[in-house]
Protein backbone atom coordinates (compact mmCIF):
# COMPACT_ATOMS: atom_id res chain seq x y z
CA MET A 1 28.62 86.88 -54.99
CA TYR A 2 27.89 86.13 -58.51
CA GLU A 3 25.39 87.16 -60.78
CA ASN A 4 23.92 85.69 -63.71
CA THR A 5 25.94 88.09 -65.76
CA PHE A 6 28.94 87.51 -68.18
CA PRO A 7 31.65 85.97 -66.93
CA ASN A 8 30.10 86.00 -63.56
CA LYS A 9 28.16 83.02 -65.24
CA ARG A 10 30.52 81.40 -66.19
CA PHE A 11 32.92 82.12 -62.93
CA LYS A 12 29.76 80.00 -60.37
CA HIS A 13 29.31 77.24 -63.12
CA THR A 14 32.95 76.47 -62.62
CA LEU A 15 33.63 76.94 -59.51
CA GLU A 16 30.70 74.58 -58.68
CA PHE A 17 32.15 71.96 -60.62
CA LEU A 18 35.57 72.83 -59.70
CA ARG A 19 34.52 72.67 -55.89
CA LYS A 20 32.49 68.96 -56.56
CA HIS A 21 36.00 67.18 -57.65
CA VAL A 22 38.87 69.02 -55.95
CA SER A 23 39.92 70.00 -52.24
CA PRO A 24 41.11 72.30 -50.87
CA SER A 25 43.59 70.45 -49.75
CA GLU A 26 44.66 69.77 -52.57
CA THR A 27 47.63 71.74 -54.58
CA ILE A 28 45.97 73.00 -57.65
CA LEU A 29 48.57 74.01 -61.05
CA ASP A 30 46.39 76.44 -62.74
CA LEU A 31 47.53 76.47 -66.72
CA GLY A 32 47.56 80.27 -67.90
CA VAL A 33 48.84 83.41 -66.36
CA VAL A 34 47.12 84.53 -63.26
CA ASN A 35 43.36 85.75 -63.89
CA PRO A 36 40.18 86.74 -62.30
CA PHE A 37 39.40 82.79 -61.83
CA SER A 38 42.83 81.62 -60.64
CA GLU A 39 41.92 84.79 -58.13
CA ILE A 40 39.22 83.64 -57.15
CA MET A 41 40.53 79.92 -56.62
CA LEU A 42 42.54 81.20 -54.08
CA GLN A 43 39.91 83.83 -51.84
CA GLN A 44 37.82 80.29 -51.79
CA GLY A 45 40.70 78.33 -50.22
CA TYR A 46 42.81 76.88 -52.97
CA THR A 47 46.58 76.93 -53.05
CA VAL A 48 47.51 78.24 -56.90
CA GLU A 49 50.49 78.43 -58.92
CA ASN A 50 49.69 79.81 -62.48
CA THR A 51 52.25 78.92 -65.02
CA LYS A 52 54.06 82.03 -66.09
CA GLY A 53 53.13 83.14 -69.70
CA GLU A 54 55.58 81.07 -71.96
CA ASP A 55 54.04 79.50 -75.27
CA LEU A 56 53.15 76.05 -73.79
CA ASP A 57 52.76 75.23 -77.58
CA ILE A 58 56.60 75.49 -77.54
CA ASP A 59 57.79 75.08 -73.75
CA THR A 60 55.82 72.81 -70.95
CA SER A 61 58.38 72.56 -68.21
CA THR A 62 56.30 74.45 -66.33
CA ILE A 63 53.58 71.75 -66.49
CA GLN A 64 56.36 68.84 -66.01
CA ASN A 65 58.15 69.93 -63.04
CA SER A 66 55.14 70.85 -61.27
CA SER A 67 54.87 68.69 -57.95
CA ALA A 68 50.96 70.17 -57.96
CA ASP A 69 48.02 67.52 -57.46
CA VAL A 70 45.60 69.13 -59.67
CA VAL A 71 45.64 70.60 -63.23
CA THR A 72 43.60 73.07 -63.99
CA ALA A 73 42.98 74.74 -67.50
CA PHE A 74 39.63 77.08 -68.24
CA GLU A 75 39.81 78.25 -71.59
CA ILE A 76 43.27 77.33 -72.71
CA PHE A 77 43.32 75.19 -74.95
CA GLU A 78 41.65 76.24 -77.59
CA HIS A 79 44.10 78.54 -78.11
CA LEU A 80 47.17 76.13 -78.66
CA LEU A 81 48.45 75.05 -82.05
CA SER A 82 48.59 71.54 -79.70
CA PRO A 83 46.84 70.82 -76.81
CA PHE A 84 47.34 67.30 -77.34
CA THR A 85 51.18 68.12 -76.29
CA VAL A 86 50.44 69.65 -73.07
CA LEU A 87 47.67 67.28 -71.99
CA LYS A 88 50.23 64.09 -72.14
CA SER A 89 53.46 66.79 -70.45
CA ILE A 90 50.80 67.01 -67.49
CA GLN A 91 52.33 64.72 -64.27
CA THR A 92 49.33 64.68 -62.02
CA ASP A 93 46.16 62.05 -62.41
CA LYS A 94 43.40 64.94 -62.09
CA LEU A 95 42.28 67.25 -64.31
CA VAL A 96 39.87 69.75 -64.75
CA ALA A 97 39.76 71.82 -68.10
CA SER A 98 36.87 74.03 -69.73
CA VAL A 99 36.77 75.35 -73.55
CA PRO A 100 34.63 77.43 -75.16
CA LEU A 101 31.83 75.30 -77.81
CA LYS A 102 32.27 75.56 -81.69
CA LEU A 103 28.87 77.43 -82.26
CA TRP A 104 27.42 76.36 -85.98
CA PHE A 105 26.23 80.16 -86.37
CA SER A 106 29.30 82.03 -84.89
CA SER A 107 32.83 81.98 -86.31
CA ALA A 108 35.41 80.98 -83.69
CA TYR A 109 36.52 83.92 -81.69
CA ARG A 110 39.47 86.01 -82.89
CA SER A 111 40.78 89.49 -81.09
CA LYS A 112 41.78 92.26 -83.60
CA THR A 113 44.07 94.18 -81.44
CA ASP A 114 45.43 90.75 -79.72
CA MET A 115 47.77 88.66 -81.93
CA LEU A 116 47.53 86.21 -78.73
CA ASP A 117 43.74 86.37 -77.90
CA ARG A 118 42.62 83.96 -80.55
CA HIS A 119 40.95 80.57 -80.27
CA TYR A 120 42.00 78.27 -82.75
CA HIS A 121 40.42 75.97 -82.61
CA GLU A 122 37.11 75.68 -81.22
CA PHE A 123 35.58 71.79 -80.31
CA GLU A 124 32.12 70.36 -80.35
CA ASP A 125 32.09 68.08 -76.83
CA TRP A 126 32.98 64.89 -78.76
CA GLN A 127 36.48 66.32 -80.25
CA PHE A 128 37.56 67.61 -76.73
CA ASP A 129 36.54 64.12 -75.48
CA TRP A 130 38.42 62.58 -77.89
CA LEU A 131 40.83 64.56 -77.50
CA LEU A 132 41.74 64.13 -73.48
CA GLU A 133 41.09 60.12 -74.30
CA LYS A 134 43.55 60.28 -77.12
CA ALA A 135 45.65 61.50 -74.85
CA GLY A 136 45.18 58.99 -71.72
CA TRP A 137 42.63 60.84 -70.19
CA LYS A 138 39.11 59.33 -68.55
CA ILE A 139 36.36 61.63 -68.71
CA LEU A 140 34.62 60.68 -65.10
CA ASP A 141 32.44 63.94 -64.87
CA ARG A 142 31.13 66.48 -67.55
CA LYS A 143 28.78 69.58 -67.68
CA LYS A 144 27.65 72.08 -70.11
CA TRP A 145 25.71 75.39 -70.08
CA THR A 146 24.52 78.52 -71.87
CA ASN A 147 26.10 82.18 -72.55
CA PRO A 148 22.95 84.20 -73.14
CA THR A 149 23.47 87.86 -73.80
CA LYS A 150 20.62 90.52 -73.34
CA LYS A 151 21.48 91.87 -77.28
CA LEU A 152 18.65 92.11 -79.58
CA GLY A 153 19.17 89.63 -83.01
CA ILE A 154 19.24 85.60 -84.13
CA ARG A 155 22.22 84.89 -82.54
CA PRO A 156 21.72 86.19 -78.93
CA ILE A 157 18.51 84.49 -78.64
CA LEU A 158 20.41 81.29 -79.88
CA ARG A 159 23.01 81.78 -77.22
CA TRP A 160 19.83 81.02 -74.38
CA PHE A 161 19.55 77.90 -75.70
CA THR A 162 23.13 76.64 -77.16
CA PRO A 163 25.27 75.52 -74.54
CA ARG A 164 28.89 77.52 -75.12
CA TYR A 165 30.57 76.28 -71.98
CA TYR A 166 32.22 72.73 -71.42
CA ILE A 167 33.70 71.38 -68.73
CA VAL A 168 35.41 68.05 -67.75
CA TYR A 169 36.69 66.15 -64.98
CA ALA A 170 39.84 63.46 -66.10
CA GLU A 171 41.75 61.21 -64.38
CA ARG A 172 44.64 59.92 -65.96
CA VAL A 173 44.11 56.42 -66.94
């Protein structure tokens, strides 16, 4: 189903982690607009609602009014100026979230054509843990994985050994 290529490797690891912690009988609010992974969750039998594209730094009403059992946030917190505000506004007690990790050999992602597709934050694992804990979440499970490429060079070689993605399962304290 998923080969070992981007973004399929990321989707494979994310789905395995999600299955470990979230039952298809639980409803999900997925932060961000409908995307390829929210479609995968639907195909796997999950009931998924997405936010509508509102600026979550300013408008958390969809999150606050959701009755979902679980909130998922896959590679979205790095795009927000204030992920703390979003994390505090979540009404459910379960969260599955992933972020790209800060790489010492590569600068933060910044699209040259899409003003919204930029990373304001790229976290080290301890920074993301601290953010979650400060926002009232207790991390019960975590996983990291690499994102190798088939390009030549020092940075592509480092990507074979340096974790790029970090995912956590947390519950409200």
